[in-house]
Amino acid sequence: MRPDPRSTGPVPVRSRWHRTDWMALLSGALFITVGILFITVPGLGPIVMLPVVLGGLAFSGFVAIIARSIRRK
């Protein structure tokens, strides 16, 4: 989207940056890590990895909730 040529003054800094989506960031890192482990370590089966994935998703959800509550203050 192009800036409006009729606008005067610089764009506020706050509108140029977006907030970090911690749930998406940590979930992506978790799935990349789980994929690498699943490929490189042959002894890890789905029964071992399922609790790791669920625990990791719970942790990333917890971090996202804490970050949102801190941001709103």
N, C-alpha and C. Protein backbone atom coordinates (compact mmCIF):
# COMPACT_ATOMS: atom_id res chain seq x y z
N MET A 1 0.83 -1.17 0.00
CA MET A 1 0.00 0.00 0.00
C MET A 1 0.88 1.24 0.00
N ARG A 2 0.62 2.15 -0.89
CA ARG A 2 1.41 3.37 -1.00
C ARG A 2 0.94 4.40 0.02
N PRO A 3 1.85 5.24 0.48
CA PRO A 3 1.44 6.29 1.40
C PRO A 3 0.58 7.33 0.68
N ASP A 4 -0.29 7.94 1.42
CA ASP A 4 -1.17 8.96 0.87
C ASP A 4 -0.36 10.22 0.59
N PRO A 5 -0.34 10.71 -0.67
CA PRO A 5 0.47 11.89 -0.98
C PRO A 5 -0.06 13.16 -0.32
N ARG A 6 -1.32 13.15 0.09
CA ARG A 6 -1.89 14.33 0.75
C ARG A 6 -1.53 14.42 2.22
N SER A 7 -1.04 13.34 2.79
CA SER A 7 -0.72 13.36 4.22
C SER A 7 0.52 14.21 4.47
N THR A 8 0.54 14.84 5.62
CA THR A 8 1.68 15.67 5.99
C THR A 8 2.35 15.08 7.21
N GLY A 9 3.63 15.19 7.25
CA GLY A 9 4.38 14.70 8.41
C GLY A 9 4.76 13.25 8.27
N PRO A 10 5.67 12.82 9.13
CA PRO A 10 6.12 11.42 9.08
C PRO A 10 5.07 10.47 9.65
N VAL A 11 5.19 9.23 9.25
CA VAL A 11 4.31 8.19 9.76
C VAL A 11 4.75 7.87 11.18
N PRO A 12 3.81 7.78 12.13
CA PRO A 12 4.21 7.43 13.50
C PRO A 12 4.92 6.08 13.54
N VAL A 13 5.87 5.95 14.43
CA VAL A 13 6.67 4.73 14.52
C VAL A 13 5.78 3.54 14.87
N ARG A 14 4.80 3.74 15.67
CA ARG A 14 3.94 2.64 16.12
C ARG A 14 3.21 1.98 14.95
N SER A 15 2.88 2.72 13.91
CA SER A 15 2.16 2.12 12.80
C SER A 15 3.07 1.34 11.86
N ARG A 16 4.37 1.51 11.96
CA ARG A 16 5.30 0.78 11.09
C ARG A 16 5.62 -0.61 11.62
N TRP A 17 5.44 -0.85 12.87
CA TRP A 17 5.80 -2.12 13.48
C TRP A 17 4.55 -2.86 13.90
N HIS A 18 4.61 -4.18 13.83
CA HIS A 18 3.51 -4.98 14.35
C HIS A 18 3.98 -5.72 15.58
N ARG A 19 3.03 -6.10 16.39
CA ARG A 19 3.38 -6.81 17.62
C ARG A 19 3.74 -8.25 17.30
N THR A 20 4.61 -8.80 18.10
CA THR A 20 5.04 -10.18 17.90
C THR A 20 3.92 -11.13 18.31
N ASP A 21 3.60 -12.07 17.45
CA ASP A 21 2.63 -13.11 17.77
C ASP A 21 3.40 -14.28 18.37
N TRP A 22 3.46 -14.29 19.69
CA TRP A 22 4.29 -15.27 20.39
C TRP A 22 3.78 -16.69 20.19
N MET A 23 2.48 -16.87 20.11
CA MET A 23 1.93 -18.21 19.90
C MET A 23 2.40 -18.78 18.57
N ALA A 24 2.32 -17.98 17.53
CA ALA A 24 2.73 -18.45 16.20
C ALA A 24 4.24 -18.68 16.14
N LEU A 25 5.00 -17.77 16.72
CA LEU A 25 6.45 -17.89 16.69
C LEU A 25 6.93 -19.14 17.42
N LEU A 26 6.44 -19.35 18.63
CA LEU A 26 6.88 -20.50 19.41
C LEU A 26 6.33 -21.81 18.85
N SER A 27 5.12 -21.80 18.33
CA SER A 27 4.57 -23.02 17.71
C SER A 27 5.35 -23.41 16.47
N GLY A 28 5.73 -22.43 15.67
CA GLY A 28 6.55 -22.72 14.50
C GLY A 28 7.90 -23.29 14.87
N ALA A 29 8.53 -22.69 15.88
CA ALA A 29 9.83 -23.21 16.36
C ALA A 29 9.67 -24.62 16.91
N LEU A 30 8.57 -24.88 17.60
CA LEU A 30 8.32 -26.22 18.14
C LEU A 30 8.18 -27.25 17.02
N PHE A 31 7.40 -26.94 16.00
CA PHE A 31 7.19 -27.91 14.94
C PHE A 31 8.44 -28.12 14.09
N ILE A 32 9.25 -27.10 13.92
CA ILE A 32 10.52 -27.28 13.22
C ILE A 32 11.43 -28.19 14.04
N THR A 33 11.50 -27.95 15.34
CA THR A 33 12.34 -28.78 16.22
C THR A 33 11.85 -30.22 16.25
N VAL A 34 10.55 -30.41 16.37
CA VAL A 34 9.99 -31.77 16.40
C VAL A 34 10.25 -32.47 15.07
N GLY A 35 10.12 -31.77 13.96
CA GLY A 35 10.40 -32.37 12.66
C GLY A 35 11.85 -32.80 12.53
N ILE A 36 12.77 -31.94 12.98
CA ILE A 36 14.19 -32.29 12.92
C ILE A 36 14.49 -33.49 13.82
N LEU A 37 13.92 -33.49 15.02
CA LEU A 37 14.13 -34.63 15.93
C LEU A 37 13.53 -35.91 15.37
N PHE A 38 12.37 -35.81 14.78
CA PHE A 38 11.70 -36.99 14.24
C PHE A 38 12.49 -37.62 13.10
N ILE A 39 13.18 -36.77 12.33
CA ILE A 39 13.97 -37.28 11.21
C ILE A 39 15.33 -37.81 11.67
N THR A 40 15.98 -37.10 12.61
CA THR A 40 17.35 -37.45 12.98
C THR A 40 17.46 -38.53 14.05
N VAL A 41 16.48 -38.63 14.93
CA VAL A 41 16.56 -39.62 16.01
C VAL A 41 15.55 -40.73 15.71
N PRO A 42 16.04 -41.90 15.26
CA PRO A 42 15.11 -42.95 14.84
C PRO A 42 14.34 -43.59 16.00
N GLY A 43 14.84 -43.49 17.23
CA GLY A 43 14.18 -44.13 18.36
C GLY A 43 12.96 -43.39 18.88
N LEU A 44 12.75 -42.15 18.46
CA LEU A 44 11.60 -41.38 18.93
C LEU A 44 10.38 -41.73 18.10
N GLY A 45 9.38 -42.25 18.76
CA GLY A 45 8.15 -42.60 18.07
C GLY A 45 7.07 -41.59 18.37
N PRO A 46 5.91 -41.79 17.78
CA PRO A 46 4.80 -40.87 18.01
C PRO A 46 4.34 -40.84 19.47
N ILE A 47 4.50 -41.95 20.16
CA ILE A 47 4.08 -42.00 21.57
C ILE A 47 4.96 -41.10 22.43
N VAL A 48 6.21 -40.96 22.09
CA VAL A 48 7.12 -40.08 22.82
C VAL A 48 6.91 -38.63 22.40
N MET A 49 6.68 -38.40 21.12
CA MET A 49 6.62 -37.03 20.61
C MET A 49 5.29 -36.34 20.89
N LEU A 50 4.21 -37.08 21.05
CA LEU A 50 2.91 -36.48 21.30
C LEU A 50 2.89 -35.65 22.59
N PRO A 51 3.38 -36.17 23.72
CA PRO A 51 3.42 -35.32 24.92
C PRO A 51 4.36 -34.12 24.77
N VAL A 52 5.44 -34.28 24.00
CA VAL A 52 6.35 -33.16 23.78
C VAL A 52 5.65 -32.06 22.99
N VAL A 53 4.92 -32.43 21.95
CA VAL A 53 4.20 -31.44 21.14
C VAL A 53 3.10 -30.77 21.97
N LEU A 54 2.33 -31.55 22.70
CA LEU A 54 1.26 -30.97 23.51
C LEU A 54 1.81 -30.07 24.61
N GLY A 55 2.89 -30.49 25.24
CA GLY A 55 3.51 -29.65 26.26
C GLY A 55 4.08 -28.37 25.67
N GLY A 56 4.68 -28.47 24.50
CA GLY A 56 5.22 -27.29 23.83
C GLY A 56 4.13 -26.32 23.41
N LEU A 57 3.00 -26.84 22.92
CA LEU A 57 1.89 -25.96 22.57
C LEU A 57 1.28 -25.30 23.80
N ALA A 58 1.21 -26.04 24.89
CA ALA A 58 0.72 -25.45 26.14
C ALA A 58 1.65 -24.35 26.62
N PHE A 59 2.95 -24.58 26.52
CA PHE A 59 3.92 -23.57 26.93
C PHE A 59 3.82 -22.33 26.05
N SER A 60 3.70 -22.50 24.74
CA SER A 60 3.62 -21.34 23.85
C SER A 60 2.31 -20.58 24.09
N GLY A 61 1.24 -21.27 24.38
CA GLY A 61 -0.02 -20.60 24.73
C GLY A 61 0.10 -19.82 26.02
N PHE A 62 0.79 -20.39 27.00
CA PHE A 62 1.02 -19.70 28.27
C PHE A 62 1.84 -18.43 28.06
N VAL A 63 2.90 -18.52 27.27
CA VAL A 63 3.73 -17.35 26.98
C VAL A 63 2.92 -16.29 26.25
N ALA A 64 2.07 -16.69 25.31
CA ALA A 64 1.25 -15.74 24.56
C ALA A 64 0.26 -15.03 25.48
N ILE A 65 -0.32 -15.75 26.43
CA ILE A 65 -1.25 -15.14 27.38
C ILE A 65 -0.53 -14.16 28.29
N ILE A 66 0.63 -14.54 28.78
CA ILE A 66 1.41 -13.65 29.65
C ILE A 66 1.85 -12.40 28.88
N ALA A 67 2.29 -12.56 27.64
CA ALA A 67 2.72 -11.41 26.84
C ALA A 67 1.56 -10.47 26.56
N ARG A 68 0.39 -11.02 26.30
CA ARG A 68 -0.78 -10.17 26.05
C ARG A 68 -1.20 -9.42 27.31
N SER A 69 -1.13 -10.08 28.46
CA SER A 69 -1.52 -9.40 29.70
C SER A 69 -0.52 -8.29 30.06
N ILE A 70 0.75 -8.50 29.79
CA ILE A 70 1.76 -7.47 30.05
C ILE A 70 1.58 -6.30 29.08
N ARG A 71 1.25 -6.60 27.84
CA ARG A 71 1.09 -5.58 26.82
C ARG A 71 -0.08 -4.65 27.09
N ARG A 72 -1.13 -5.17 27.70
CA ARG A 72 -2.34 -4.36 27.94
C ARG A 72 -2.23 -3.43 29.12
N LYS A 73 -1.22 -3.57 29.94
CA LYS A 73 -1.08 -2.71 31.11
C LYS A 73 -0.58 -1.36 30.76
